[in-house]
């Protein structure tokens, strides 16, 4: 029965794996948007006088970074990351290309059972 389902414990392996998947998706989405913003939209704004791409991509990146932030914090709390690892991971979402490096590092460490 649907009412008989029990949610997995907050720090169970299943819950941590699901949180890791959410984090990975958001890290990649935020990373791609940030690169598009910096490499495409900003030059269009200043070299071609087209501010619309910056407005659109900047707004999208801002909102999606908020979701990235929440997914990273959720994963950090579930997996009991260190404060330093949590902060470094969160800051990585604000630097072009670094979110990809951080995502790979976090994923590798999580899969072998290391603390971030």
N, C-alpha and C. Protein backbone atom coordinates (compact mmCIF):
# COMPACT_ATOMS: atom_id res chain seq x y z
N UNK A 1 0.82 -1.17 0.00
CA UNK A 1 0.00 0.00 0.00
C UNK A 1 0.88 1.25 0.00
N UNK A 2 0.40 2.30 -0.62
CA UNK A 2 1.16 3.54 -0.71
C UNK A 2 1.39 4.15 0.67
N UNK A 3 0.44 4.03 1.56
CA UNK A 3 0.56 4.61 2.89
C UNK A 3 1.53 3.86 3.77
N UNK A 4 1.92 2.64 3.39
CA UNK A 4 2.81 1.83 4.20
C UNK A 4 4.29 2.07 3.89
N UNK A 5 4.57 2.90 2.91
CA UNK A 5 5.96 3.17 2.55
C UNK A 5 6.66 3.94 3.66
N UNK A 6 7.92 3.63 3.83
CA UNK A 6 8.73 4.32 4.82
C UNK A 6 9.90 4.95 4.07
N UNK A 7 10.12 6.22 4.29
CA UNK A 7 11.23 6.91 3.64
C UNK A 7 12.55 6.40 4.20
N UNK A 8 13.59 6.31 3.35
CA UNK A 8 14.88 5.86 3.87
C UNK A 8 15.42 6.88 4.89
N UNK A 9 16.23 6.41 5.80
CA UNK A 9 16.84 7.29 6.79
C UNK A 9 17.63 8.39 6.09
N UNK A 10 17.68 9.54 6.72
CA UNK A 10 18.33 10.71 6.12
C UNK A 10 19.78 10.45 5.72
N UNK A 11 20.48 9.63 6.50
CA UNK A 11 21.88 9.38 6.19
C UNK A 11 22.13 7.96 5.69
N UNK A 12 21.09 7.32 5.16
CA UNK A 12 21.27 5.98 4.59
C UNK A 12 22.02 6.09 3.27
N UNK A 13 22.57 4.98 2.83
CA UNK A 13 23.32 4.98 1.57
C UNK A 13 22.43 5.37 0.40
N UNK A 14 21.19 4.93 0.43
CA UNK A 14 20.23 5.25 -0.64
C UNK A 14 19.96 6.76 -0.68
N UNK A 15 19.76 7.36 0.48
CA UNK A 15 19.48 8.80 0.55
C UNK A 15 20.71 9.60 0.12
N UNK A 16 21.89 9.15 0.52
CA UNK A 16 23.12 9.84 0.13
C UNK A 16 23.35 9.71 -1.37
N UNK A 17 23.09 8.54 -1.94
CA UNK A 17 23.26 8.34 -3.38
C UNK A 17 22.31 9.25 -4.17
N UNK A 18 21.08 9.39 -3.69
CA UNK A 18 20.12 10.27 -4.37
C UNK A 18 20.56 11.73 -4.25
N UNK A 19 21.06 12.12 -3.09
CA UNK A 19 21.55 13.49 -2.89
C UNK A 19 22.77 13.75 -3.77
N UNK A 20 23.64 12.75 -3.92
CA UNK A 20 24.81 12.90 -4.78
C UNK A 20 24.38 13.09 -6.23
N UNK A 21 23.39 12.35 -6.67
CA UNK A 21 22.90 12.49 -8.04
C UNK A 21 22.33 13.89 -8.28
N UNK A 22 21.56 14.39 -7.33
CA UNK A 22 21.01 15.76 -7.46
C UNK A 22 22.14 16.78 -7.52
N UNK A 23 23.13 16.60 -6.66
CA UNK A 23 24.28 17.51 -6.64
C UNK A 23 25.01 17.48 -7.98
N UNK A 24 25.25 16.29 -8.51
CA UNK A 24 25.99 16.15 -9.77
C UNK A 24 25.26 16.86 -10.92
N UNK A 25 23.96 16.67 -10.99
CA UNK A 25 23.18 17.31 -12.05
C UNK A 25 23.28 18.83 -11.92
N UNK A 26 23.08 19.32 -10.70
CA UNK A 26 23.09 20.78 -10.51
C UNK A 26 24.48 21.36 -10.74
N UNK A 27 25.54 20.67 -10.34
CA UNK A 27 26.90 21.16 -10.57
C UNK A 27 27.18 21.30 -12.06
N UNK A 28 26.75 20.33 -12.84
CA UNK A 28 26.97 20.39 -14.28
C UNK A 28 26.12 21.47 -14.94
N UNK A 29 24.87 21.59 -14.54
CA UNK A 29 23.99 22.62 -15.12
C UNK A 29 24.53 24.01 -14.80
N UNK A 30 24.89 24.23 -13.54
CA UNK A 30 25.42 25.54 -13.14
C UNK A 30 26.75 25.82 -13.84
N UNK A 31 27.59 24.80 -13.98
CA UNK A 31 28.87 24.99 -14.66
C UNK A 31 28.70 25.37 -16.12
N UNK A 32 27.79 24.70 -16.82
CA UNK A 32 27.54 25.02 -18.23
C UNK A 32 26.98 26.43 -18.37
N UNK A 33 26.01 26.77 -17.53
CA UNK A 33 25.43 28.11 -17.61
C UNK A 33 26.46 29.20 -17.31
N UNK A 34 27.32 28.96 -16.33
CA UNK A 34 28.34 29.96 -16.00
C UNK A 34 29.32 30.15 -17.15
N UNK A 35 29.70 29.06 -17.80
CA UNK A 35 30.60 29.17 -18.95
C UNK A 35 29.92 29.92 -20.09
N UNK A 36 28.67 29.58 -20.36
CA UNK A 36 27.94 30.31 -21.41
C UNK A 36 27.82 31.79 -21.08
N UNK A 37 27.59 32.08 -19.83
CA UNK A 37 27.47 33.48 -19.40
C UNK A 37 28.78 34.23 -19.63
N UNK A 38 29.89 33.64 -19.20
CA UNK A 38 31.19 34.31 -19.29
C UNK A 38 31.74 34.32 -20.71
N UNK A 39 31.62 33.20 -21.43
CA UNK A 39 32.26 33.06 -22.73
C UNK A 39 31.41 33.62 -23.88
N UNK A 40 30.09 33.55 -23.74
CA UNK A 40 29.21 33.98 -24.83
C UNK A 40 28.49 35.30 -24.50
N UNK A 41 27.76 35.31 -23.40
CA UNK A 41 26.87 36.45 -23.12
C UNK A 41 27.62 37.74 -22.79
N UNK A 42 28.66 37.65 -21.95
CA UNK A 42 29.38 38.87 -21.57
C UNK A 42 30.07 39.50 -22.79
N UNK A 43 30.77 38.72 -23.65
CA UNK A 43 31.33 39.35 -24.85
C UNK A 43 30.25 39.95 -25.76
N UNK A 44 29.09 39.28 -25.87
CA UNK A 44 28.02 39.86 -26.68
C UNK A 44 27.56 41.20 -26.12
N UNK A 45 27.50 41.27 -24.81
CA UNK A 45 27.05 42.53 -24.18
C UNK A 45 28.03 43.66 -24.45
N UNK A 46 29.32 43.39 -24.24
CA UNK A 46 30.30 44.47 -24.34
C UNK A 46 30.88 44.68 -25.73
N UNK A 47 30.88 43.67 -26.57
CA UNK A 47 31.44 43.83 -27.91
C UNK A 47 30.38 44.08 -28.97
N UNK A 48 29.17 43.58 -28.75
CA UNK A 48 28.11 43.73 -29.75
C UNK A 48 26.94 44.56 -29.23
N UNK A 49 27.02 45.02 -27.99
CA UNK A 49 25.94 45.84 -27.45
C UNK A 49 24.63 45.09 -27.26
N UNK A 50 24.71 43.79 -26.99
CA UNK A 50 23.50 42.97 -26.80
C UNK A 50 23.41 42.53 -25.34
N UNK A 51 22.69 43.26 -24.49
CA UNK A 51 22.63 42.91 -23.06
C UNK A 51 21.65 41.78 -22.72
N UNK A 52 20.77 41.43 -23.64
CA UNK A 52 19.74 40.43 -23.34
C UNK A 52 20.30 39.06 -22.94
N UNK A 53 21.31 38.52 -23.63
CA UNK A 53 21.84 37.21 -23.20
C UNK A 53 22.38 37.22 -21.77
N UNK A 54 23.02 38.32 -21.35
CA UNK A 54 23.52 38.41 -19.97
C UNK A 54 22.36 38.39 -19.00
N UNK A 55 21.31 39.11 -19.33
CA UNK A 55 20.14 39.16 -18.46
C UNK A 55 19.53 37.77 -18.31
N UNK A 56 19.34 37.09 -19.42
CA UNK A 56 18.70 35.77 -19.40
C UNK A 56 19.59 34.73 -18.72
N UNK A 57 20.84 34.60 -19.18
CA UNK A 57 21.74 33.59 -18.62
C UNK A 57 22.13 33.92 -17.19
N UNK A 58 22.31 35.20 -16.89
CA UNK A 58 22.66 35.60 -15.53
C UNK A 58 21.55 35.28 -14.55
N UNK A 59 20.31 35.55 -14.94
CA UNK A 59 19.17 35.23 -14.08
C UNK A 59 19.03 33.72 -13.90
N UNK A 60 19.15 32.98 -15.02
CA UNK A 60 19.04 31.52 -14.94
C UNK A 60 20.15 30.95 -14.06
N UNK A 61 21.37 31.44 -14.24
CA UNK A 61 22.48 30.95 -13.42
C UNK A 61 22.24 31.27 -11.94
N UNK A 62 21.75 32.44 -11.66
CA UNK A 62 21.50 32.83 -10.27
C UNK A 62 20.48 31.92 -9.59
N UNK A 63 19.37 31.69 -10.25
CA UNK A 63 18.34 30.81 -9.66
C UNK A 63 18.82 29.37 -9.56
N UNK A 64 19.50 28.90 -10.59
CA UNK A 64 19.97 27.52 -10.56
C UNK A 64 21.14 27.34 -9.59
N UNK A 65 21.93 28.41 -9.38
CA UNK A 65 22.97 28.32 -8.36
C UNK A 65 22.34 28.14 -6.99
N UNK A 66 21.21 28.78 -6.76
CA UNK A 66 20.51 28.61 -5.49
C UNK A 66 20.11 27.14 -5.30
N UNK A 67 19.65 26.49 -6.36
CA UNK A 67 19.31 25.07 -6.28
C UNK A 67 20.57 24.21 -6.10
N UNK A 68 21.64 24.59 -6.78
CA UNK A 68 22.93 23.92 -6.59
C UNK A 68 23.37 24.03 -5.14
N UNK A 69 23.26 25.22 -4.59
CA UNK A 69 23.64 25.47 -3.20
C UNK A 69 22.86 24.56 -2.26
N UNK A 70 21.55 24.49 -2.47
CA UNK A 70 20.71 23.65 -1.62
C UNK A 70 21.06 22.17 -1.78
N UNK A 71 21.31 21.73 -3.01
CA UNK A 71 21.65 20.32 -3.21
C UNK A 71 23.01 19.98 -2.60
N UNK A 72 23.97 20.91 -2.69
CA UNK A 72 25.29 20.67 -2.10
C UNK A 72 25.21 20.65 -0.57
N UNK A 73 24.43 21.56 0.01
CA UNK A 73 24.26 21.58 1.46
C UNK A 73 23.55 20.31 1.92
N UNK A 74 22.53 19.90 1.19
CA UNK A 74 21.81 18.67 1.52
C UNK A 74 22.78 17.48 1.52
N UNK A 75 23.59 17.37 0.48
CA UNK A 75 24.55 16.27 0.40
C UNK A 75 25.58 16.37 1.52
N UNK A 76 26.06 17.57 1.78
CA UNK A 76 27.07 17.75 2.83
C UNK A 76 26.53 17.33 4.19
N UNK A 77 25.29 17.67 4.48
CA UNK A 77 24.69 17.29 5.76
C UNK A 77 24.44 15.79 5.85
N UNK A 78 23.95 15.21 4.76
CA UNK A 78 23.69 13.77 4.75
C UNK A 78 24.97 12.96 4.89
N UNK A 79 26.00 13.38 4.17
CA UNK A 79 27.26 12.62 4.14
C UNK A 79 28.25 13.08 5.21
N UNK A 80 27.85 14.07 5.99
CA UNK A 80 28.68 14.58 7.09
C UNK A 80 30.05 15.06 6.61
N UNK A 81 30.01 15.97 5.62
CA UNK A 81 31.24 16.57 5.11
C UNK A 81 31.86 17.47 6.16
N UNK A 82 33.14 17.78 5.96
CA UNK A 82 33.81 18.78 6.81
C UNK A 82 33.33 20.17 6.38
N UNK A 83 33.50 21.13 7.26
CA UNK A 83 33.10 22.51 6.94
C UNK A 83 33.93 23.04 5.77
N UNK A 84 35.23 22.74 5.79
CA UNK A 84 36.12 23.20 4.70
C UNK A 84 35.69 22.61 3.36
N UNK A 85 35.42 21.31 3.33
CA UNK A 85 34.99 20.65 2.09
C UNK A 85 33.68 21.22 1.58
N UNK A 86 32.77 21.52 2.50
CA UNK A 86 31.48 22.09 2.12
C UNK A 86 31.66 23.47 1.50
N UNK A 87 32.45 24.31 2.14
CA UNK A 87 32.65 25.68 1.65
C UNK A 87 33.36 25.68 0.30
N UNK A 88 34.40 24.86 0.17
CA UNK A 88 35.14 24.80 -1.11
C UNK A 88 34.21 24.35 -2.23
N UNK A 89 33.38 23.36 -1.95
CA UNK A 89 32.45 22.86 -2.96
C UNK A 89 31.43 23.93 -3.35
N UNK A 90 30.93 24.67 -2.39
CA UNK A 90 29.95 25.72 -2.68
C UNK A 90 30.56 26.86 -3.49
N UNK A 91 31.78 27.24 -3.15
CA UNK A 91 32.46 28.32 -3.88
C UNK A 91 32.79 27.89 -5.31
N UNK A 92 33.04 26.60 -5.50
CA UNK A 92 33.40 26.09 -6.83
C UNK A 92 32.31 26.36 -7.86
N UNK A 93 31.06 26.47 -7.42
CA UNK A 93 29.97 26.75 -8.35
C UNK A 93 29.96 28.17 -8.88
N UNK A 94 30.84 29.01 -8.35
CA UNK A 94 30.88 30.41 -8.79
C UNK A 94 32.07 30.70 -9.71
N UNK A 95 32.91 29.71 -9.94
CA UNK A 95 34.12 29.92 -10.75
C UNK A 95 34.04 29.05 -12.00
N UNK A 96 34.14 29.68 -13.19
CA UNK A 96 34.03 28.91 -14.43
C UNK A 96 34.98 27.70 -14.45
N UNK A 97 34.47 26.59 -14.92
CA UNK A 97 35.16 25.31 -15.07
C UNK A 97 35.44 24.59 -13.74
N UNK A 98 35.49 25.32 -12.64
CA UNK A 98 35.83 24.70 -11.36
C UNK A 98 34.70 23.82 -10.83
N UNK A 99 33.45 24.12 -11.20
CA UNK A 99 32.35 23.28 -10.72
C UNK A 99 32.48 21.85 -11.27
N UNK A 100 33.04 21.71 -12.47
CA UNK A 100 33.25 20.38 -13.05
C UNK A 100 34.33 19.61 -12.29
N UNK A 101 35.40 20.31 -11.94
CA UNK A 101 36.49 19.69 -11.18
C UNK A 101 35.98 19.28 -9.80
N UNK A 102 35.26 20.17 -9.15
CA UNK A 102 34.73 19.88 -7.82
C UNK A 102 33.74 18.72 -7.88
N UNK A 103 32.90 18.70 -8.89
CA UNK A 103 31.91 17.61 -9.02
C UNK A 103 32.61 16.28 -9.17
N UNK A 104 33.65 16.21 -9.99
CA UNK A 104 34.39 14.95 -10.19
C UNK A 104 35.09 14.54 -8.89
N UNK A 105 35.67 15.50 -8.19
CA UNK A 105 36.36 15.20 -6.94
C UNK A 105 35.38 14.69 -5.88
N UNK A 106 34.26 15.38 -5.74
CA UNK A 106 33.24 14.97 -4.77
C UNK A 106 32.73 13.58 -5.11
N UNK A 107 32.41 13.35 -6.38
CA UNK A 107 31.87 12.05 -6.79
C UNK A 107 32.88 10.94 -6.52
N UNK A 108 34.14 11.17 -6.85
CA UNK A 108 35.17 10.15 -6.61
C UNK A 108 35.29 9.85 -5.12
N UNK A 109 35.35 10.89 -4.32
CA UNK A 109 35.49 10.68 -2.87
C UNK A 109 34.27 9.99 -2.28
N UNK A 110 33.09 10.39 -2.71
CA UNK A 110 31.87 9.80 -2.17
C UNK A 110 31.78 8.31 -2.55
N UNK A 111 32.19 7.98 -3.75
CA UNK A 111 32.08 6.58 -4.20
C UNK A 111 33.04 5.64 -3.49
N UNK A 112 34.18 6.18 -3.02
CA UNK A 112 35.10 5.33 -2.28
C UNK A 112 34.90 5.46 -0.76
N UNK A 113 33.94 6.26 -0.37
CA UNK A 113 33.61 6.37 1.04
C UNK A 113 34.43 7.36 1.82
N UNK A 114 35.15 8.23 1.12
CA UNK A 114 35.95 9.27 1.81
C UNK A 114 35.06 10.44 2.18
N UNK A 115 35.46 11.14 3.20
CA UNK A 115 34.74 12.35 3.63
C UNK A 115 35.26 13.53 2.83
N UNK A 116 34.37 14.37 2.37
CA UNK A 116 34.76 15.55 1.59
C UNK A 116 35.11 16.67 2.55
